[in-house]
Amino acid sequence: QPAPQAQVPQEPTAPQEPAPPDQPQAPAPEEKKPPLKQLERDLKKGLKGLFGR
């Protein structure tokens, strides 16, 4: 006798909500991307934070 799944409403499974309105905007256009130099600086900062301790 299979257990009815409707009897487990306590599980915090997320209901099928519609995607947030800003979801289709995920791929940022080229203009909004930060310049490569800034990305490099952030990367080096992150590496220093990781290995500099």
N, C-alpha and C. Protein backbone atom coordinates (compact mmCIF):
# COMPACT_ATOMS: atom_id res chain seq x y z
N GLN A 1 0.85 -1.21 0.00
CA GLN A 1 0.00 0.00 0.00
C GLN A 1 0.88 1.26 0.00
N PRO A 2 0.95 1.97 -1.11
CA PRO A 2 1.82 3.16 -1.19
C PRO A 2 1.32 4.28 -0.31
N ALA A 3 2.26 4.95 0.37
CA ALA A 3 1.85 6.05 1.25
C ALA A 3 1.41 7.24 0.40
N PRO A 4 0.25 7.81 0.71
CA PRO A 4 -0.21 8.99 -0.05
C PRO A 4 0.70 10.18 0.17
N GLN A 5 1.15 10.80 -0.91
CA GLN A 5 2.08 11.92 -0.78
C GLN A 5 1.38 13.17 -0.26
N ALA A 6 0.06 13.23 -0.39
CA ALA A 6 -0.66 14.43 0.03
C ALA A 6 -0.65 14.56 1.55
N GLN A 7 -0.24 13.51 2.25
CA GLN A 7 -0.27 13.54 3.71
C GLN A 7 1.04 14.06 4.29
N VAL A 8 1.92 14.65 3.47
CA VAL A 8 3.19 15.16 3.98
C VAL A 8 3.32 16.65 3.67
N PRO A 9 2.42 17.47 4.23
CA PRO A 9 2.49 18.91 3.92
C PRO A 9 3.53 19.64 4.77
N GLN A 10 4.19 18.94 5.69
CA GLN A 10 5.14 19.60 6.58
C GLN A 10 6.46 19.89 5.87
N GLU A 11 6.76 19.14 4.81
CA GLU A 11 8.03 19.36 4.11
C GLU A 11 8.03 20.75 3.48
N PRO A 12 9.09 21.52 3.69
CA PRO A 12 9.16 22.89 3.13
C PRO A 12 9.54 22.89 1.66
N THR A 13 8.85 22.07 0.86
CA THR A 13 9.14 22.07 -0.57
C THR A 13 8.57 23.34 -1.19
N ALA A 14 9.38 24.04 -1.95
CA ALA A 14 8.94 25.30 -2.54
C ALA A 14 7.86 25.03 -3.58
N PRO A 15 6.74 25.72 -3.50
CA PRO A 15 5.69 25.55 -4.52
C PRO A 15 6.16 26.08 -5.86
N GLN A 16 5.49 25.65 -6.91
CA GLN A 16 5.90 26.08 -8.26
C GLN A 16 5.49 27.53 -8.46
N GLU A 17 6.34 28.44 -8.01
CA GLU A 17 6.03 29.86 -8.18
C GLU A 17 6.50 30.33 -9.55
N PRO A 18 5.87 31.37 -10.08
CA PRO A 18 6.37 31.94 -11.34
C PRO A 18 7.74 32.56 -11.14
N ALA A 19 8.58 32.47 -12.14
CA ALA A 19 9.94 33.00 -12.01
C ALA A 19 9.88 34.50 -11.72
N PRO A 20 10.81 35.01 -10.90
CA PRO A 20 10.84 36.45 -10.61
C PRO A 20 10.97 37.26 -11.89
N PRO A 21 10.48 38.49 -11.90
CA PRO A 21 10.48 39.28 -13.15
C PRO A 21 11.88 39.59 -13.67
N ASP A 22 12.88 39.62 -12.76
CA ASP A 22 14.23 39.98 -13.21
C ASP A 22 15.02 38.75 -13.66
N GLN A 23 14.36 37.60 -13.75
CA GLN A 23 15.07 36.40 -14.16
C GLN A 23 15.56 36.48 -15.60
N PRO A 24 14.73 36.93 -16.56
CA PRO A 24 15.21 36.97 -17.95
C PRO A 24 16.36 37.96 -18.16
N GLN A 25 16.58 38.85 -17.19
CA GLN A 25 17.66 39.83 -17.33
C GLN A 25 18.99 39.30 -16.82
N ALA A 26 19.05 38.02 -16.46
CA ALA A 26 20.27 37.47 -15.86
C ALA A 26 21.50 37.72 -16.74
N PRO A 27 21.48 37.36 -18.02
CA PRO A 27 22.67 37.65 -18.85
C PRO A 27 22.82 39.14 -19.06
N ALA A 28 23.77 39.74 -18.35
CA ALA A 28 23.94 41.20 -18.44
C ALA A 28 24.49 41.57 -19.81
N PRO A 29 24.03 42.68 -20.36
CA PRO A 29 24.60 43.14 -21.64
C PRO A 29 26.06 43.52 -21.49
N GLU A 30 26.76 43.57 -22.60
CA GLU A 30 28.21 43.81 -22.56
C GLU A 30 28.54 45.11 -21.84
N GLU A 31 27.68 46.13 -22.00
CA GLU A 31 28.03 47.44 -21.45
C GLU A 31 28.06 47.41 -19.93
N LYS A 32 27.23 46.55 -19.32
CA LYS A 32 27.12 46.58 -17.86
C LYS A 32 28.23 45.78 -17.19
N LYS A 33 28.97 45.00 -17.96
CA LYS A 33 30.04 44.20 -17.33
C LYS A 33 31.17 45.12 -16.87
N PRO A 34 31.73 44.89 -15.70
CA PRO A 34 32.85 45.71 -15.24
C PRO A 34 34.06 45.49 -16.14
N PRO A 35 34.92 46.49 -16.25
CA PRO A 35 36.11 46.36 -17.10
C PRO A 35 37.00 45.23 -16.62
N LEU A 36 37.79 44.68 -17.54
CA LEU A 36 38.65 43.54 -17.20
C LEU A 36 39.62 43.90 -16.10
N LYS A 37 40.14 45.12 -16.13
CA LYS A 37 41.13 45.50 -15.11
C LYS A 37 40.52 45.39 -13.72
N GLN A 38 39.27 45.84 -13.59
CA GLN A 38 38.63 45.78 -12.27
C GLN A 38 38.45 44.32 -11.87
N LEU A 39 38.04 43.48 -12.83
CA LEU A 39 37.88 42.07 -12.51
C LEU A 39 39.21 41.49 -12.04
N GLU A 40 40.29 41.84 -12.75
CA GLU A 40 41.61 41.33 -12.35
C GLU A 40 41.95 41.78 -10.94
N ARG A 41 41.69 43.07 -10.66
CA ARG A 41 42.00 43.59 -9.33
C ARG A 41 41.22 42.82 -8.27
N ASP A 42 39.92 42.60 -8.54
CA ASP A 42 39.11 41.88 -7.57
C ASP A 42 39.65 40.46 -7.39
N LEU A 43 40.05 39.85 -8.50
CA LEU A 43 40.58 38.49 -8.41
C LEU A 43 41.82 38.47 -7.53
N LYS A 44 42.73 39.40 -7.78
CA LYS A 44 43.97 39.42 -6.99
C LYS A 44 43.64 39.69 -5.53
N LYS A 45 42.67 40.59 -5.29
CA LYS A 45 42.28 40.87 -3.92
C LYS A 45 41.77 39.59 -3.25
N GLY A 46 40.95 38.84 -4.00
CA GLY A 46 40.40 37.61 -3.45
C GLY A 46 41.51 36.60 -3.17
N LEU A 47 42.46 36.49 -4.10
CA LEU A 47 43.56 35.54 -3.88
C LEU A 47 44.37 35.96 -2.66
N LYS A 48 44.63 37.27 -2.55
CA LYS A 48 45.39 37.73 -1.38
C LYS A 48 44.63 37.38 -0.11
N GLY A 49 43.32 37.55 -0.13
CA GLY A 49 42.52 37.24 1.05
C GLY A 49 42.58 35.75 1.37
N LEU A 50 42.62 34.92 0.31
CA LEU A 50 42.63 33.48 0.55
C LEU A 50 43.99 33.01 1.06
N PHE A 51 45.05 33.44 0.37
CA PHE A 51 46.37 32.88 0.68
C PHE A 51 47.21 33.79 1.58
N GLY A 52 46.77 35.04 1.77
CA GLY A 52 47.60 35.98 2.53
C GLY A 52 47.47 35.81 4.03
N ARG A 53 46.52 34.96 4.45
CA ARG A 53 46.34 34.82 5.91
C ARG A 53 47.46 33.99 6.51
